Amino acid sequence: MLYSSIFSILILAIIVCISLVIVTKDVYTQSAGHSDAKYKLATKMLRNAERRVTTQEVGHTIPPVIHFVFGLWDEEGTPLPEAYRHNLNMWRATPGITIKLWDRASILADILDDEWRPVYNALPRNIQRADMVRPLIMRKYGGVYLDLDILPTDISIASLLQFAATSKSGIKRCILFGEVDLNRVLAILPAVNRVRNRVPEAHGLRFANYAMASSPNHPFWDHYLQVIKDRLDYVSVLRKPGESVSAYDVLFTTGPDALTHAVNSVMSPANAPTPVVTIPKISRADMADVLILTKPETDSILYHQCSGSWRNAKDA
């Protein structure tokens, strides 16, 4: 029995070492090779849109408003940190864009309805509340949601919205931003988390929830919110009384993993393995007006500083 256990540990250690080598190689290849070409393509695409709108007036299908949220877990009246004030001023300098900063009082008064207020209040971590209000804002008002640790690049958000309104493949009323390309190893590793029940993240591209955009009342947001609700119910059964909510539990219930599954459960069900099944009430046809950006395209438009203070339980 002892030798069997030692052998199993050695095999596991070898697998982890091989995984790290493959991940490192893939990250280096992506940064040095084909992703550079995609970045240039994204730059050309968006700058073409920027040139096009200087010669014609095009209405926005997605409102030119950027929504930010601050203060959900801070003392009332807590000022914005200097870094966030700097970022916000950068966005305020963007031509053609209006800024809306939400705080706890305005979220409670204007965003949470009778259906979602009890869900919001029952969430064990404030970062989950911050995650949940994003699709609720998109559903009610539309526009662009951004985390406060995001900076603009030399390609403006306004040009992206104009591109969505003039896309040759049809008007786009929702934009989803690629966050990371999950290779086979990165897809398998999350399966060790209890909530995944040995089911890997086999979807390839994981979507960011630090940025999203849409017209008001886009049907995708109701589907995403239902995925969140189903996953919260599932995890609440697994958690023991007094047990803390891990960082991966957050990603799984309300964060990027939930968002990514919501997309793939409609667009590509074969690439959406999950321990929690949400039956979509929308179809691929409802997603025809969704613009999906790859990670290099996302990086060409937004610079994410990845402050991630919630991972240190600072959302308490």
Protein backbone atom coordinates (compact mmCIF):
# COMPACT_ATOMS: atom_id res chain seq x y z
CA MET A 1 0.00 0.00 0.00
CA LEU A 2 2.87 2.36 0.93
CA TYR A 3 4.72 1.73 -2.33
CA SER A 4 1.49 2.20 -4.29
CA SER A 5 0.91 5.60 -2.65
CA ILE A 6 4.50 6.71 -3.30
CA PHE A 7 4.21 5.62 -6.95
CA SER A 8 0.96 7.59 -7.33
CA ILE A 9 2.57 10.71 -5.87
CA LEU A 10 5.55 10.40 -8.21
CA ILE A 11 3.27 10.02 -11.25
CA LEU A 12 1.28 13.11 -10.18
CA ALA A 13 4.50 15.11 -9.71
CA ILE A 14 5.70 14.14 -13.19
CA ILE A 15 2.35 15.17 -14.73
CA VAL A 16 2.49 18.57 -12.99
CA CYS A 17 6.08 19.17 -14.18
CA ILE A 18 5.18 18.28 -17.77
CA SER A 19 2.13 20.54 -17.55
CA LEU A 20 4.23 23.49 -16.40
CA VAL A 21 6.69 22.97 -19.25
CA ILE A 22 3.85 22.86 -21.81
CA VAL A 23 2.14 25.93 -20.34
CA THR A 24 5.42 27.90 -20.36
CA LYS A 25 6.10 26.88 -23.96
CA ASP A 26 2.58 27.82 -25.05
CA VAL A 27 2.71 31.21 -23.33
CA TYR A 28 6.07 31.97 -24.96
CA THR A 29 4.82 30.86 -28.39
CA GLN A 30 1.67 32.96 -28.09
CA SER A 31 3.57 36.06 -27.03
CA ALA A 32 6.24 35.72 -29.71
CA GLY A 33 4.36 34.30 -32.70
CA HIS A 34 0.88 34.07 -34.10
CA SER A 35 -0.80 36.29 -31.49
CA ASP A 36 1.32 39.20 -32.72
CA ALA A 37 -0.26 38.81 -36.16
CA LYS A 38 -3.72 38.76 -34.57
CA TYR A 39 -2.90 41.96 -32.69
CA LYS A 40 -1.98 43.68 -35.94
CA LEU A 41 -5.19 42.40 -37.55
CA ALA A 42 -7.25 43.74 -34.66
CA THR A 43 -5.50 47.09 -34.89
CA LYS A 44 -6.16 47.33 -38.63
CA MET A 45 -9.81 46.30 -38.20
CA LEU A 46 -10.57 48.91 -35.57
CA ARG A 47 -8.61 51.70 -37.21
CA ASN A 48 -10.49 51.04 -40.44
CA ALA A 49 -13.69 51.53 -38.46
CA GLU A 50 -12.29 54.72 -36.97
CA ARG A 51 -11.52 56.11 -40.44
CA ARG A 52 -14.92 55.10 -41.74
CA VAL A 53 -16.84 57.02 -39.09
CA THR A 54 -14.97 60.24 -39.80
CA THR A 55 -16.67 60.40 -43.20
CA GLN A 56 -20.23 59.39 -42.22
CA GLU A 57 -22.63 59.68 -39.31
CA VAL A 58 -23.47 56.29 -37.85
CA GLY A 59 -25.86 55.76 -34.94
CA HIS A 60 -24.80 53.61 -32.02
CA THR A 61 -26.58 50.31 -31.43
CA ILE A 62 -24.66 50.11 -28.15
CA PRO A 63 -25.01 53.31 -26.08
CA PRO A 64 -21.71 55.24 -25.83
CA VAL A 65 -21.74 55.09 -22.02
CA ILE A 66 -19.06 53.39 -19.90
CA HIS A 67 -20.30 52.06 -16.57
CA PHE A 68 -17.96 51.63 -13.60
CA VAL A 69 -18.80 50.31 -10.13
CA PHE A 70 -17.05 51.27 -6.89
CA GLY A 71 -17.83 51.06 -3.19
CA LEU A 72 -19.83 47.84 -2.89
CA TRP A 73 -17.65 46.73 0.03
CA ASP A 74 -16.17 50.00 1.27
CA GLU A 75 -17.36 52.37 3.98
CA GLU A 76 -19.89 54.86 2.61
CA GLY A 77 -18.08 57.94 1.36
CA THR A 78 -14.77 56.13 0.80
CA PRO A 79 -12.95 58.09 -1.91
CA LEU A 80 -11.70 56.46 -5.06
CA PRO A 81 -8.06 55.37 -4.77
CA GLU A 82 -5.68 57.63 -6.67
CA ALA A 83 -4.98 54.94 -9.30
CA TYR A 84 -8.69 54.55 -10.04
CA ARG A 85 -9.21 58.33 -10.22
CA HIS A 86 -6.40 58.50 -12.75
CA ASN A 87 -7.94 55.72 -14.85
CA LEU A 88 -11.39 57.30 -14.68
CA ASN A 89 -9.99 60.65 -15.85
CA MET A 90 -8.35 58.87 -18.78
CA TRP A 91 -11.73 57.50 -19.82
CA ARG A 92 -13.43 60.87 -19.28
CA ALA A 93 -11.02 62.31 -21.84
CA THR A 94 -12.32 59.85 -24.48
CA PRO A 95 -14.28 61.80 -27.13
CA GLY A 96 -17.88 60.78 -27.66
CA ILE A 97 -18.14 58.76 -24.43
CA THR A 98 -20.19 59.40 -21.27
CA ILE A 99 -19.07 58.01 -17.90
CA LYS A 100 -21.41 56.57 -15.24
CA LEU A 101 -19.95 55.63 -11.83
CA TRP A 102 -22.22 53.40 -9.75
CA ASP A 103 -21.94 53.00 -5.98
CA ARG A 104 -23.71 50.76 -3.48
CA ALA A 105 -26.64 53.16 -2.94
CA SER A 106 -27.35 53.62 -6.64
CA ILE A 107 -27.04 49.88 -7.31
CA LEU A 108 -29.52 49.09 -4.55
CA ALA A 109 -31.92 51.80 -5.70
CA ASP A 110 -31.83 51.37 -9.46
CA ILE A 111 -30.36 48.01 -10.53
CA LEU A 112 -31.60 45.35 -8.12
CA ASP A 113 -35.21 44.37 -8.74
CA ASP A 114 -37.43 42.07 -6.66
CA GLU A 115 -36.06 38.98 -8.41
CA TRP A 116 -32.36 39.71 -7.95
CA ARG A 117 -32.22 41.62 -4.66
CA PRO A 118 -32.61 38.44 -2.53
CA VAL A 119 -29.95 36.66 -4.61
CA TYR A 120 -27.61 39.64 -4.21
CA ASN A 121 -28.15 39.84 -0.45
CA ALA A 122 -27.53 36.10 0.00
CA LEU A 123 -24.16 36.08 -1.78
CA PRO A 124 -21.34 35.17 0.62
CA ARG A 125 -18.71 37.47 -0.97
CA ASN A 126 -18.89 41.04 -2.16
CA ILE A 127 -16.91 40.26 -5.31
CA GLN A 128 -19.77 37.97 -6.32
CA ARG A 129 -22.13 40.91 -5.86
CA ALA A 130 -19.86 43.02 -8.06
CA ASP A 131 -19.87 40.26 -10.68
CA MET A 132 -23.65 39.93 -10.65
CA VAL A 133 -24.51 43.61 -11.03
CA ARG A 134 -22.55 43.85 -14.30
CA PRO A 135 -25.00 41.87 -16.47
CA LEU A 136 -27.88 43.54 -14.60
CA ILE A 137 -26.54 46.97 -15.65
CA MET A 138 -26.06 45.74 -19.22
CA ARG A 139 -29.58 44.32 -19.33
CA LYS A 140 -31.24 47.51 -18.10
CA TYR A 141 -29.16 50.29 -19.63
CA GLY A 142 -26.72 48.80 -22.10
CA GLY A 143 -23.46 50.52 -22.91
CA VAL A 144 -20.01 49.32 -21.87
CA TYR A 145 -19.03 47.94 -18.46
CA LEU A 146 -15.38 48.18 -17.41
CA ASP A 147 -13.50 47.43 -14.21
CA LEU A 148 -11.72 50.45 -12.75
CA ASP A 149 -8.30 48.86 -13.25
CA ILE A 150 -8.61 49.13 -17.04
CA LEU A 151 -6.97 51.81 -19.15
CA PRO A 152 -7.70 52.85 -22.73
CA THR A 153 -5.23 52.16 -25.52
CA ASP A 154 -4.69 54.19 -28.68
CA ILE A 155 -7.73 52.43 -30.21
CA SER A 156 -10.80 54.11 -28.76
CA ILE A 157 -13.85 52.37 -27.33
CA ALA A 158 -15.91 54.75 -29.49
CA SER A 159 -14.38 53.24 -32.62
CA LEU A 160 -15.23 49.73 -31.39
CA LEU A 161 -18.87 50.74 -30.88
CA GLN A 162 -18.95 52.27 -34.34
CA PHE A 163 -17.43 49.12 -35.77
CA ALA A 164 -20.20 47.10 -34.09
CA ALA A 165 -22.80 49.40 -35.66
CA THR A 166 -21.30 49.05 -39.16
CA SER A 167 -20.08 45.45 -39.21
CA LYS A 168 -20.23 43.86 -42.66
CA SER A 169 -21.51 40.64 -41.05
CA GLY A 170 -24.50 42.49 -39.58
CA ILE A 171 -25.06 44.99 -36.81
CA LYS A 172 -23.63 43.82 -33.50
CA ARG A 173 -25.60 44.60 -30.35
CA CYS A 174 -23.42 42.78 -27.84
CA ILE A 175 -19.63 42.53 -27.46
CA LEU A 176 -17.79 39.88 -25.46
CA PHE A 177 -14.07 40.17 -24.74
CA GLY A 178 -11.66 37.22 -24.79
CA GLU A 179 -9.59 36.96 -21.61
CA VAL A 180 -7.33 33.92 -22.00
CA ASP A 181 -6.81 31.03 -24.44
CA LEU A 182 -7.03 27.81 -22.46
CA ASN A 183 -4.83 25.12 -23.95
CA ARG A 184 -5.46 21.48 -23.07
CA VAL A 185 -3.39 21.62 -19.90
CA LEU A 186 -4.93 24.87 -18.63
CA ALA A 187 -8.37 23.42 -19.38
CA ILE A 188 -7.73 20.27 -17.36
CA LEU A 189 -6.14 21.87 -14.27
CA PRO A 190 -9.39 23.50 -12.94
CA ALA A 191 -11.04 20.05 -12.89
CA VAL A 192 -9.36 19.39 -9.53
CA ASN A 193 -11.57 22.03 -7.91
CA ARG A 194 -14.43 20.43 -6.03
CA VAL A 195 -17.10 22.51 -7.75
CA ARG A 196 -16.05 21.22 -11.17
CA ASN A 197 -16.35 17.60 -10.09
CA ARG A 198 -13.46 16.53 -12.40
CA VAL A 199 -15.05 18.27 -15.42
CA PRO A 200 -12.41 20.32 -17.33
CA GLU A 201 -12.88 23.79 -18.80
CA ALA A 202 -12.83 22.56 -22.39
CA HIS A 203 -14.11 25.73 -24.02
CA GLY A 204 -10.81 27.08 -25.40
CA LEU A 205 -11.35 30.83 -25.10
CA ARG A 206 -12.38 32.10 -21.68
CA PHE A 207 -14.31 35.36 -21.72
CA ALA A 208 -13.56 38.29 -19.45
CA ASN A 209 -16.16 39.77 -17.16
CA TYR A 210 -13.99 42.84 -16.50
CA ALA A 211 -15.36 44.21 -19.79
CA MET A 212 -18.66 43.72 -21.61
CA ALA A 213 -20.90 45.77 -23.87
CA SER A 214 -24.39 45.58 -25.34
CA SER A 215 -27.59 47.35 -26.23
CA PRO A 216 -30.26 47.35 -23.48
CA ASN A 217 -32.34 44.18 -23.01
CA HIS A 218 -30.12 41.90 -25.03
CA PRO A 219 -31.42 38.33 -24.42
CA PHE A 220 -27.97 36.96 -23.61
CA TRP A 221 -27.89 38.65 -20.20
CA ASP A 222 -30.95 36.78 -18.95
CA HIS A 223 -29.27 33.52 -19.92
CA TYR A 224 -26.01 34.48 -18.19
CA LEU A 225 -27.91 35.48 -15.05
CA GLN A 226 -29.72 32.13 -15.04
CA VAL A 227 -26.35 30.34 -15.28
CA ILE A 228 -25.19 32.36 -12.26
CA LYS A 229 -28.30 31.46 -10.29
CA ASP A 230 -28.03 27.75 -11.12
CA ARG A 231 -24.35 27.63 -10.18
CA LEU A 232 -24.94 29.44 -6.90
CA ASP A 233 -27.62 26.90 -6.00
CA TYR A 234 -25.27 24.05 -6.91
CA VAL A 235 -22.34 25.38 -4.86
CA SER A 236 -24.54 26.20 -1.86
CA VAL A 237 -25.34 22.48 -1.55
CA LEU A 238 -21.63 21.55 -1.63
CA ARG A 239 -20.49 24.12 0.93
CA LYS A 240 -20.33 23.14 4.58
CA PRO A 241 -21.62 25.57 7.23
CA GLY A 242 -19.03 28.27 7.84
CA GLU A 243 -16.88 27.18 4.90
CA SER A 244 -15.20 30.04 3.05
CA VAL A 245 -15.73 30.70 -0.65
CA SER A 246 -12.54 30.08 -2.62
CA ALA A 247 -11.26 32.24 -5.48
CA TYR A 248 -12.17 29.51 -7.96
CA ASP A 249 -15.67 29.26 -6.48
CA VAL A 250 -16.06 32.94 -7.40
CA LEU A 251 -14.84 32.38 -10.97
CA PHE A 252 -17.18 29.40 -11.27
CA THR A 253 -20.36 30.90 -9.82
CA THR A 254 -20.42 34.52 -10.98
CA GLY A 255 -17.17 35.21 -12.82
CA PRO A 256 -15.48 34.40 -16.14
CA ASP A 257 -16.15 30.66 -16.02
CA ALA A 258 -19.89 31.23 -15.62
CA LEU A 259 -19.86 33.83 -18.42
CA THR A 260 -17.88 31.54 -20.72
CA HIS A 261 -20.20 28.63 -20.10
CA ALA A 262 -23.21 30.86 -20.79
CA VAL A 263 -21.75 31.69 -24.22
CA ASN A 264 -20.73 28.17 -25.17
CA SER A 265 -23.87 26.48 -23.91
CA VAL A 266 -25.65 28.32 -26.73
CA MET A 267 -22.97 28.72 -29.38
CA SER A 268 -21.10 25.43 -29.00
CA PRO A 269 -22.69 23.00 -26.51
CA ALA A 270 -20.10 20.30 -27.31
CA ASN A 271 -17.41 22.65 -25.93
CA ALA A 272 -19.35 23.45 -22.77
CA PRO A 273 -18.88 20.52 -20.36
CA THR A 274 -20.15 21.44 -16.92
CA PRO A 275 -21.26 19.83 -13.69
CA VAL A 276 -24.24 22.23 -13.67
CA VAL A 277 -26.65 22.18 -16.60
CA THR A 278 -28.62 25.32 -17.48
CA ILE A 279 -31.06 24.79 -20.34
CA PRO A 280 -30.71 27.85 -22.61
CA LYS A 281 -33.88 29.77 -23.34
CA ILE A 282 -32.13 31.43 -26.26
CA SER A 283 -30.75 29.98 -29.49
CA ARG A 284 -27.75 30.55 -31.75
CA ALA A 285 -29.96 32.91 -33.76
CA ASP A 286 -30.25 35.16 -30.68
CA MET A 287 -26.44 35.31 -30.58
CA ALA A 288 -26.02 36.28 -34.25
CA ASP A 289 -25.59 39.93 -33.24
CA VAL A 290 -22.83 39.17 -30.71
CA LEU A 291 -19.31 40.32 -31.58
CA ILE A 292 -16.72 38.02 -30.02
CA LEU A 293 -13.21 39.43 -29.65
CA THR A 294 -10.16 37.22 -29.31
CA LYS A 295 -7.69 37.89 -26.51
CA PRO A 296 -5.26 39.77 -28.82
CA GLU A 297 -8.15 41.89 -30.09
CA THR A 298 -9.21 42.61 -26.51
CA ASP A 299 -5.64 43.54 -25.59
CA SER A 300 -5.48 45.94 -28.53
CA ILE A 301 -8.42 47.92 -27.13
CA LEU A 302 -8.09 47.62 -23.35
CA TYR A 303 -5.12 47.52 -20.98
CA HIS A 304 -6.06 45.51 -17.89
CA GLN A 305 -3.88 46.28 -14.87
CA CYS A 306 -5.19 43.16 -13.06
CA SER A 307 -5.25 44.68 -9.57
CA GLY A 308 -7.39 41.74 -8.34
CA SER A 309 -7.59 42.88 -4.71
CA TRP A 310 -10.56 40.57 -4.14
CA ARG A 311 -8.27 37.53 -4.41
CA ASN A 312 -6.72 38.57 -1.09
CA ALA A 313 -10.19 38.59 0.48
CA LYS A 314 -10.21 42.40 0.45
CA ASP A 315 -13.84 42.28 -0.62
CA ALA A 316 -14.90 41.31 2.91
